[in-house]
């Protein structure tokens, strides 16, 4: 059986592999299935460890992380879609994803705004001066990102920042409580921002 040190080392390498796959600059291949099998196999052999009896196993968490690594590799070569955004919100553990999805629609005008198309900014974020960020710079007084998925990651950092300051942001709670939170900060200068989100949730933004 492998030692704890060896297992930890393997997990560390797996984490590095995920980061590496996410930043690959390879040309898009038409045979995505073959690429997927190769990547999954590589991560499997890196993170798999032996149990007594010599039988290799892979945990559910490893499966999730493997799929996550492939997802981030894949979206680098796919056009943006709301379906991919929803998956990204899930993988990143964004709290209150239904409300956050509505925010992306409102902030970008259903993904047609200038700051989204040219700065990959989904949520109208400004470049922060205090909290951690993955933004690469600014564009028209807004944060600019290398890829739209980085905008999602930055939203998580934003949530974490406010939670560290004592704001109660507990996923699984009432969506109304998150709307109250957005209004109290406030998230946007528009006094009708929350009412627009509510209207948008009803499928009628005017």
C-alpha atoms as a PDB file:
ATOM      1  CA  UNK A   1       0.000   0.000   0.000  1.00  0.00           C
ATOM      2  CA  UNK A   2       1.187   3.522  -0.732  1.00  0.00           C
ATOM      3  CA  UNK A   3       2.082   5.723   2.172  1.00  0.00           C
ATOM      4  CA  UNK A   4       0.101   8.815   3.124  1.00  0.00           C
ATOM      5  CA  UNK A   5       2.997  10.895   1.825  1.00  0.00           C
ATOM      6  CA  UNK A   6       2.798   9.187  -1.570  1.00  0.00           C
ATOM      7  CA  UNK A   7      -0.972   9.618  -1.740  1.00  0.00           C
ATOM      8  CA  UNK A   8      -0.690  13.291  -0.788  1.00  0.00           C
ATOM      9  CA  UNK A   9       1.977  13.735  -3.425  1.00  0.00           C
ATOM     10  CA  UNK A  10      -0.306  12.164  -6.012  1.00  0.00           C
ATOM     11  CA  UNK A  11      -3.167  14.454  -5.083  1.00  0.00           C
ATOM     12  CA  UNK A  12      -0.843  17.449  -5.304  1.00  0.00           C
ATOM     13  CA  UNK A  13       0.199  16.382  -8.802  1.00  0.00           C
ATOM     14  CA  UNK A  14      -3.472  15.912  -9.724  1.00  0.00           C
ATOM     15  CA  UNK A  15      -4.199  19.450  -8.625  1.00  0.00           C
ATOM     16  CA  UNK A  16      -1.321  20.652 -10.762  1.00  0.00           C
ATOM     17  CA  UNK A  17      -2.638  18.682 -13.706  1.00  0.00           C
ATOM     18  CA  UNK A  18      -6.035  20.368 -13.408  1.00  0.00           C
ATOM     19  CA  UNK A  19      -4.411  23.786 -13.473  1.00  0.00           C
ATOM     20  CA  UNK A  20      -2.294  22.752 -16.412  1.00  0.00           C
ATOM     21  CA  UNK A  21      -5.221  21.394 -18.432  1.00  0.00           C
ATOM     22  CA  UNK A  22      -7.162  24.577 -17.761  1.00  0.00           C
ATOM     23  CA  UNK A  23      -4.404  26.684 -19.284  1.00  0.00           C
ATOM     24  CA  UNK A  24      -3.493  24.491 -22.243  1.00  0.00           C
ATOM     25  CA  UNK A  25      -2.977  26.464 -25.452  1.00  0.00           C
ATOM     26  CA  UNK A  26      -3.411  23.575 -27.875  1.00  0.00           C
ATOM     27  CA  UNK A  27      -5.415  23.894 -31.037  1.00  0.00           C
ATOM     28  CA  UNK A  28      -8.950  22.597 -30.828  1.00  0.00           C
ATOM     29  CA  UNK A  29      -9.208  19.002 -31.955  1.00  0.00           C
ATOM     30  CA  UNK A  30     -12.241  17.596 -33.751  1.00  0.00           C
ATOM     31  CA  UNK A  31     -11.795  14.313 -31.867  1.00  0.00           C
ATOM     32  CA  UNK A  32     -12.868  15.550 -28.444  1.00  0.00           C
ATOM     33  CA  UNK A  33     -13.841  12.064 -27.274  1.00  0.00           C
ATOM     34  CA  UNK A  34     -10.293  10.799 -27.745  1.00  0.00           C
ATOM     35  CA  UNK A  35      -8.876  13.815 -25.896  1.00  0.00           C
ATOM     36  CA  UNK A  36     -11.332  13.268 -23.070  1.00  0.00           C
ATOM     37  CA  UNK A  37     -10.320   9.617 -22.683  1.00  0.00           C
ATOM     38  CA  UNK A  38      -6.642  10.538 -22.640  1.00  0.00           C
ATOM     39  CA  UNK A  39      -7.095  13.265 -20.032  1.00  0.00           C
ATOM     40  CA  UNK A  40      -9.299  11.127 -17.825  1.00  0.00           C
ATOM     41  CA  UNK A  41      -6.835   8.256 -18.029  1.00  0.00           C
ATOM     42  CA  UNK A  42      -3.890  10.488 -17.164  1.00  0.00           C
ATOM     43  CA  UNK A  43      -5.616  11.921 -14.109  1.00  0.00           C
ATOM     44  CA  UNK A  44      -6.836   8.460 -13.073  1.00  0.00           C
ATOM     45  CA  UNK A  45      -3.331   7.021 -13.026  1.00  0.00           C
ATOM     46  CA  UNK A  46      -1.971  10.058 -11.201  1.00  0.00           C
ATOM     47  CA  UNK A  47      -4.530  10.125  -8.407  1.00  0.00           C
ATOM     48  CA  UNK A  48      -5.381   6.415  -8.050  1.00  0.00           C
ATOM     49  CA  UNK A  49      -3.878   4.691  -5.044  1.00  0.00           C
ATOM     50  CA  UNK A  50      -3.857   1.060  -3.922  1.00  0.00           C
ATOM     51  CA  UNK A  51      -5.882  -0.403  -1.102  1.00  0.00           C
ATOM     52  CA  UNK A  52      -4.910  -3.613   0.734  1.00  0.00           C
ATOM     53  CA  UNK A  53      -4.926  -6.379  -1.838  1.00  0.00           C
ATOM     54  CA  UNK A  54      -3.458  -4.171  -4.553  1.00  0.00           C
ATOM     55  CA  UNK A  55      -6.738  -3.146  -6.176  1.00  0.00           C
ATOM     56  CA  UNK A  56      -6.730   0.425  -7.537  1.00  0.00           C
ATOM     57  CA  UNK A  57      -9.732   2.574  -6.639  1.00  0.00           C
ATOM     58  CA  UNK A  58     -10.890   6.054  -7.493  1.00  0.00           C
ATOM     59  CA  UNK A  59     -13.119   8.017  -5.144  1.00  0.00           C
ATOM     60  CA  UNK A  60     -16.229   9.963  -6.088  1.00  0.00           C
ATOM     61  CA  UNK A  61     -14.376  13.184  -5.316  1.00  0.00           C
ATOM     62  CA  UNK A  62     -11.639  12.181  -7.768  1.00  0.00           C
ATOM     63  CA  UNK A  63     -14.272  11.563 -10.439  1.00  0.00           C
ATOM     64  CA  UNK A  64     -15.751  15.009  -9.856  1.00  0.00           C
ATOM     65  CA  UNK A  65     -12.341  16.682  -9.987  1.00  0.00           C
ATOM     66  CA  UNK A  66     -11.484  14.768 -13.158  1.00  0.00           C
ATOM     67  CA  UNK A  67     -14.668  15.906 -14.868  1.00  0.00           C
ATOM     68  CA  UNK A  68     -14.006  19.441 -13.640  1.00  0.00           C
ATOM     69  CA  UNK A  69     -10.509  19.422 -15.104  1.00  0.00           C
ATOM     70  CA  UNK A  70     -11.795  18.263 -18.464  1.00  0.00           C
ATOM     71  CA  UNK A  71     -14.625  20.794 -18.387  1.00  0.00           C
ATOM     72  CA  UNK A  72     -12.192  23.691 -17.965  1.00  0.00           C
ATOM     73  CA  UNK A  73      -9.963  22.328 -20.706  1.00  0.00           C
ATOM     74  CA  UNK A  74     -12.932  21.931 -23.049  1.00  0.00           C
ATOM     75  CA  UNK A  75     -14.563  25.338 -22.591  1.00  0.00           C
ATOM     76  CA  UNK A  76     -11.395  27.103 -23.750  1.00  0.00           C
ATOM     77  CA  UNK A  77     -12.338  26.019 -27.264  1.00  0.00           C
ATOM     78  CA  UNK A  78     -16.123  26.243 -27.122  1.00  0.00           C
ATOM     79  CA  UNK A  79     -18.254  29.319 -27.778  1.00  0.00           C
ATOM     80  CA  UNK A  80     -19.950  30.748 -24.715  1.00  0.00           C
ATOM     81  CA  UNK A  81     -23.377  29.413 -23.851  1.00  0.00           C
ATOM     82  CA  UNK A  82     -25.651  29.770 -20.850  1.00  0.00           C
ATOM     83  CA  UNK A  83     -25.553  26.005 -20.442  1.00  0.00           C
ATOM     84  CA  UNK A  84     -21.784  26.116 -19.964  1.00  0.00           C
ATOM     85  CA  UNK A  85     -22.171  29.031 -17.558  1.00  0.00           C
ATOM     86  CA  UNK A  86     -24.623  27.041 -15.424  1.00  0.00           C
ATOM     87  CA  UNK A  87     -22.142  24.158 -15.262  1.00  0.00           C
ATOM     88  CA  UNK A  88     -19.362  26.564 -14.325  1.00  0.00           C
ATOM     89  CA  UNK A  89     -21.463  28.056 -11.522  1.00  0.00           C
ATOM     90  CA  UNK A  90     -21.949  24.531 -10.194  1.00  0.00           C
ATOM     91  CA  UNK A  91     -18.292  23.508 -10.455  1.00  0.00           C
ATOM     92  CA  UNK A  92     -17.162  26.677  -8.677  1.00  0.00           C
ATOM     93  CA  UNK A  93     -19.737  26.298  -5.918  1.00  0.00           C
ATOM     94  CA  UNK A  94     -21.319  29.706  -6.481  1.00  0.00           C
ATOM     95  CA  UNK A  95     -23.880  30.405  -3.789  1.00  0.00           C
ATOM     96  CA  UNK A  96     -27.424  31.194  -4.942  1.00  0.00           C
ATOM     97  CA  UNK A  97     -26.657  30.242  -8.576  1.00  0.00           C
ATOM     98  CA  UNK A  98     -30.204  30.988  -9.765  1.00  0.00           C
ATOM     99  CA  UNK A  99     -29.912  34.623  -8.712  1.00  0.00           C
ATOM    100  CA  UNK A 100     -26.353  34.869  -9.983  1.00  0.00           C
ATOM    101  CA  UNK A 101     -27.470  33.570 -13.377  1.00  0.00           C
ATOM    102  CA  UNK A 102     -30.103  36.309 -13.493  1.00  0.00           C
ATOM    103  CA  UNK A 103     -27.390  38.833 -12.637  1.00  0.00           C
ATOM    104  CA  UNK A 104     -25.306  37.666 -15.592  1.00  0.00           C
ATOM    105  CA  UNK A 105     -28.294  38.110 -17.902  1.00  0.00           C
ATOM    106  CA  UNK A 106     -29.071  41.571 -16.562  1.00  0.00           C
ATOM    107  CA  UNK A 107     -25.476  42.812 -16.419  1.00  0.00           C
ATOM    108  CA  UNK A 108     -24.660  41.710 -19.965  1.00  0.00           C
ATOM    109  CA  UNK A 109     -28.006  42.285 -21.672  1.00  0.00           C
ATOM    110  CA  UNK A 110     -28.257  38.563 -22.297  1.00  0.00           C
ATOM    111  CA  UNK A 111     -24.552  38.282 -23.117  1.00  0.00           C
ATOM    112  CA  UNK A 112     -24.405  41.029 -25.707  1.00  0.00           C
ATOM    113  CA  UNK A 113     -22.747  43.875 -23.778  1.00  0.00           C
ATOM    114  CA  UNK A 114     -19.425  45.459 -24.642  1.00  0.00           C
ATOM    115  CA  UNK A 115     -17.732  44.538 -21.358  1.00  0.00           C
ATOM    116  CA  UNK A 116     -18.753  40.919 -21.766  1.00  0.00           C
ATOM    117  CA  UNK A 117     -17.730  40.582 -25.410  1.00  0.00           C
ATOM    118  CA  UNK A 118     -14.428  42.437 -24.963  1.00  0.00           C
ATOM    119  CA  UNK A 119     -13.545  41.861 -21.310  1.00  0.00           C
ATOM    120  CA  UNK A 120     -15.233  38.523 -20.507  1.00  0.00           C
ATOM    121  CA  UNK A 121     -16.996  40.259 -17.620  1.00  0.00           C
ATOM    122  CA  UNK A 122     -20.293  38.545 -16.800  1.00  0.00           C
ATOM    123  CA  UNK A 123     -21.294  40.407 -13.655  1.00  0.00           C
ATOM    124  CA  UNK A 124     -20.339  44.037 -14.165  1.00  0.00           C
ATOM    125  CA  UNK A 125     -17.482  43.680 -11.676  1.00  0.00           C
ATOM    126  CA  UNK A 126     -15.084  46.546 -11.096  1.00  0.00           C
ATOM    127  CA  UNK A 127     -11.398  45.860 -10.519  1.00  0.00           C
ATOM    128  CA  UNK A 128     -11.144  45.369  -6.729  1.00  0.00           C
ATOM    129  CA  UNK A 129      -8.651  47.261  -4.595  1.00  0.00           C
ATOM    130  CA  UNK A 130      -8.873  45.098  -1.453  1.00  0.00           C
ATOM    131  CA  UNK A 131     -10.060  41.558  -2.075  1.00  0.00           C
ATOM    132  CA  UNK A 132      -8.255  38.835  -4.092  1.00  0.00           C
ATOM    133  CA  UNK A 133      -9.052  38.747  -7.792  1.00  0.00           C
ATOM    134  CA  UNK A 134      -8.249  36.823 -10.966  1.00  0.00           C
ATOM    135  CA  UNK A 135      -8.896  39.856 -13.170  1.00  0.00           C
ATOM    136  CA  UNK A 136      -6.054  40.656 -15.545  1.00  0.00           C
ATOM    137  CA  UNK A 137      -6.689  44.378 -15.779  1.00  0.00           C
ATOM    138  CA  UNK A 138      -9.415  46.888 -16.561  1.00  0.00           C
ATOM    139  CA  UNK A 139     -11.625  47.711 -19.520  1.00  0.00           C
ATOM    140  CA  UNK A 140     -13.783  50.828 -19.489  1.00  0.00           C
ATOM    141  CA  UNK A 141     -13.601  51.035 -15.686  1.00  0.00           C
ATOM    142  CA  UNK A 142     -14.569  47.378 -15.287  1.00  0.00           C
ATOM    143  CA  UNK A 143     -12.534  44.276 -14.505  1.00  0.00           C
ATOM    144  CA  UNK A 144     -11.150  42.389 -17.474  1.00  0.00           C
ATOM    145  CA  UNK A 145     -10.668  38.618 -17.532  1.00  0.00           C
ATOM    146  CA  UNK A 146      -8.705  36.220 -19.701  1.00  0.00           C
ATOM    147  CA  UNK A 147     -11.764  33.990 -20.080  1.00  0.00           C
ATOM    148  CA  UNK A 148     -15.405  34.269 -19.065  1.00  0.00           C
ATOM    149  CA  UNK A 149     -14.995  31.395 -16.584  1.00  0.00           C
ATOM    150  CA  UNK A 150     -12.515  33.579 -14.685  1.00  0.00           C
ATOM    151  CA  UNK A 151     -15.355  36.029 -14.157  1.00  0.00           C
ATOM    152  CA  UNK A 152     -17.249  33.253 -12.373  1.00  0.00           C
ATOM    153  CA  UNK A 153     -14.218  32.466 -10.218  1.00  0.00           C
ATOM    154  CA  UNK A 154     -13.937  36.138  -9.344  1.00  0.00           C
ATOM    155  CA  UNK A 155     -17.591  36.217  -8.326  1.00  0.00           C
ATOM    156  CA  UNK A 156     -16.854  33.401  -5.862  1.00  0.00           C
ATOM    157  CA  UNK A 157     -13.936  35.432  -4.481  1.00  0.00           C
ATOM    158  CA  UNK A 158     -16.323  38.364  -4.122  1.00  0.00           C
ATOM    159  CA  UNK A 159     -18.826  36.220  -2.209  1.00  0.00           C
ATOM    160  CA  UNK A 160     -16.061  34.848   0.007  1.00  0.00           C
ATOM    161  CA  UNK A 161     -14.827  38.366   0.731  1.00  0.00           C
ATOM    162  CA  UNK A 162     -18.197  39.580   1.959  1.00  0.00           C
ATOM    163  CA  UNK A 163     -18.740  36.413   3.935  1.00  0.00           C
ATOM    164  CA  UNK A 164     -15.396  36.982   5.662  1.00  0.00           C
ATOM    165  CA  UNK A 165     -16.640  40.424   6.645  1.00  0.00           C
ATOM    166  CA  UNK A 166     -19.565  38.948   8.534  1.00  0.00           C
ATOM    167  CA  UNK A 167     -22.287  38.894   5.915  1.00  0.00           C
ATOM    168  CA  UNK A 168     -24.347  35.719   6.072  1.00  0.00           C
ATOM    169  CA  UNK A 169     -24.300  34.118   2.639  1.00  0.00           C
ATOM    170  CA  UNK A 170     -25.410  30.534   3.139  1.00  0.00           C
ATOM    171  CA  UNK A 171     -26.157  28.506   0.037  1.00  0.00           C
ATOM    172  CA  UNK A 172     -29.401  26.588   0.126  1.00  0.00           C
ATOM    173  CA  UNK A 173     -31.213  29.409   1.887  1.00  0.00           C
ATOM    174  CA  UNK A 174     -34.052  31.518   0.621  1.00  0.00           C
ATOM    175  CA  UNK A 175     -33.258  33.369  -2.611  1.00  0.00           C
ATOM    176  CA  UNK A 176     -35.020  36.397  -1.164  1.00  0.00           C
ATOM    177  CA  UNK A 177     -32.344  36.657   1.525  1.00  0.00           C
ATOM    178  CA  UNK A 178     -29.674  36.930  -1.165  1.00  0.00           C
ATOM    179  CA  UNK A 179     -31.642  39.641  -2.928  1.00  0.00           C
ATOM    180  CA  UNK A 180     -31.765  41.519   0.385  1.00  0.00           C
ATOM    181  CA  UNK A 181     -28.001  41.099   0.685  1.00  0.00           C
ATOM    182  CA  UNK A 182     -27.427  42.457  -2.839  1.00  0.00           C
ATOM    183  CA  UNK A 183     -29.649  45.402  -2.047  1.00  0.00           C
ATOM    184  CA  UNK A 184     -27.938  46.195   1.271  1.00  0.00           C
ATOM    185  CA  UNK A 185     -24.391  46.295  -0.094  1.00  0.00           C
ATOM    186  CA  UNK A 186     -25.583  47.646  -2.631  1.00  0.00           C
ATOM    187  CA  UNK A 187     -24.397  45.569  -5.585  1.00  0.00           C
ATOM    188  CA  UNK A 188     -25.346  48.129  -8.235  1.00  0.00           C
ATOM    189  CA  UNK A 189     -25.981  51.865  -8.401  1.00  0.00           C
ATOM    190  CA  UNK A 190     -29.274  51.342 -10.203  1.00  0.00           C
ATOM    191  CA  UNK A 191     -32.022  51.714  -7.530  1.00  0.00           C
ATOM    192  CA  UNK A 192     -34.203  49.351  -9.595  1.00  0.00           C
ATOM    193  CA  UNK A 193     -31.545  46.641  -9.802  1.00  0.00           C
ATOM    194  CA  UNK A 194     -33.291  44.183  -7.464  1.00  0.00           C
ATOM    195  CA  UNK A 195     -36.728  44.796  -8.963  1.00  0.00           C
ATOM    196  CA  UNK A 196     -35.234  44.133 -12.400  1.00  0.00           C
ATOM    197  CA  UNK A 197     -33.837  40.817 -11.183  1.00  0.00           C
ATOM    198  CA  UNK A 198     -37.236  39.896  -9.795  1.00  0.00           C
ATOM    199  CA  UNK A 199     -38.929  40.841 -13.053  1.00  0.00           C
ATOM    200  CA  UNK A 200     -36.326  38.947 -15.017  1.00  0.00           C
ATOM    201  CA  UNK A 201     -36.972  35.857 -12.906  1.00  0.00           C
ATOM    202  CA  UNK A 202     -40.569  36.046 -14.108  1.00  0.00           C
ATOM    203  CA  UNK A 203     -39.404  36.079 -17.706  1.00  0.00           C
ATOM    204  CA  UNK A 204     -40.364  39.690 -18.459  1.00  0.00           C
ATOM    205  CA  UNK A 205     -37.623  42.311 -18.300  1.00  0.00           C
ATOM    206  CA  UNK A 206     -38.824  45.729 -19.442  1.00  0.00           C
END
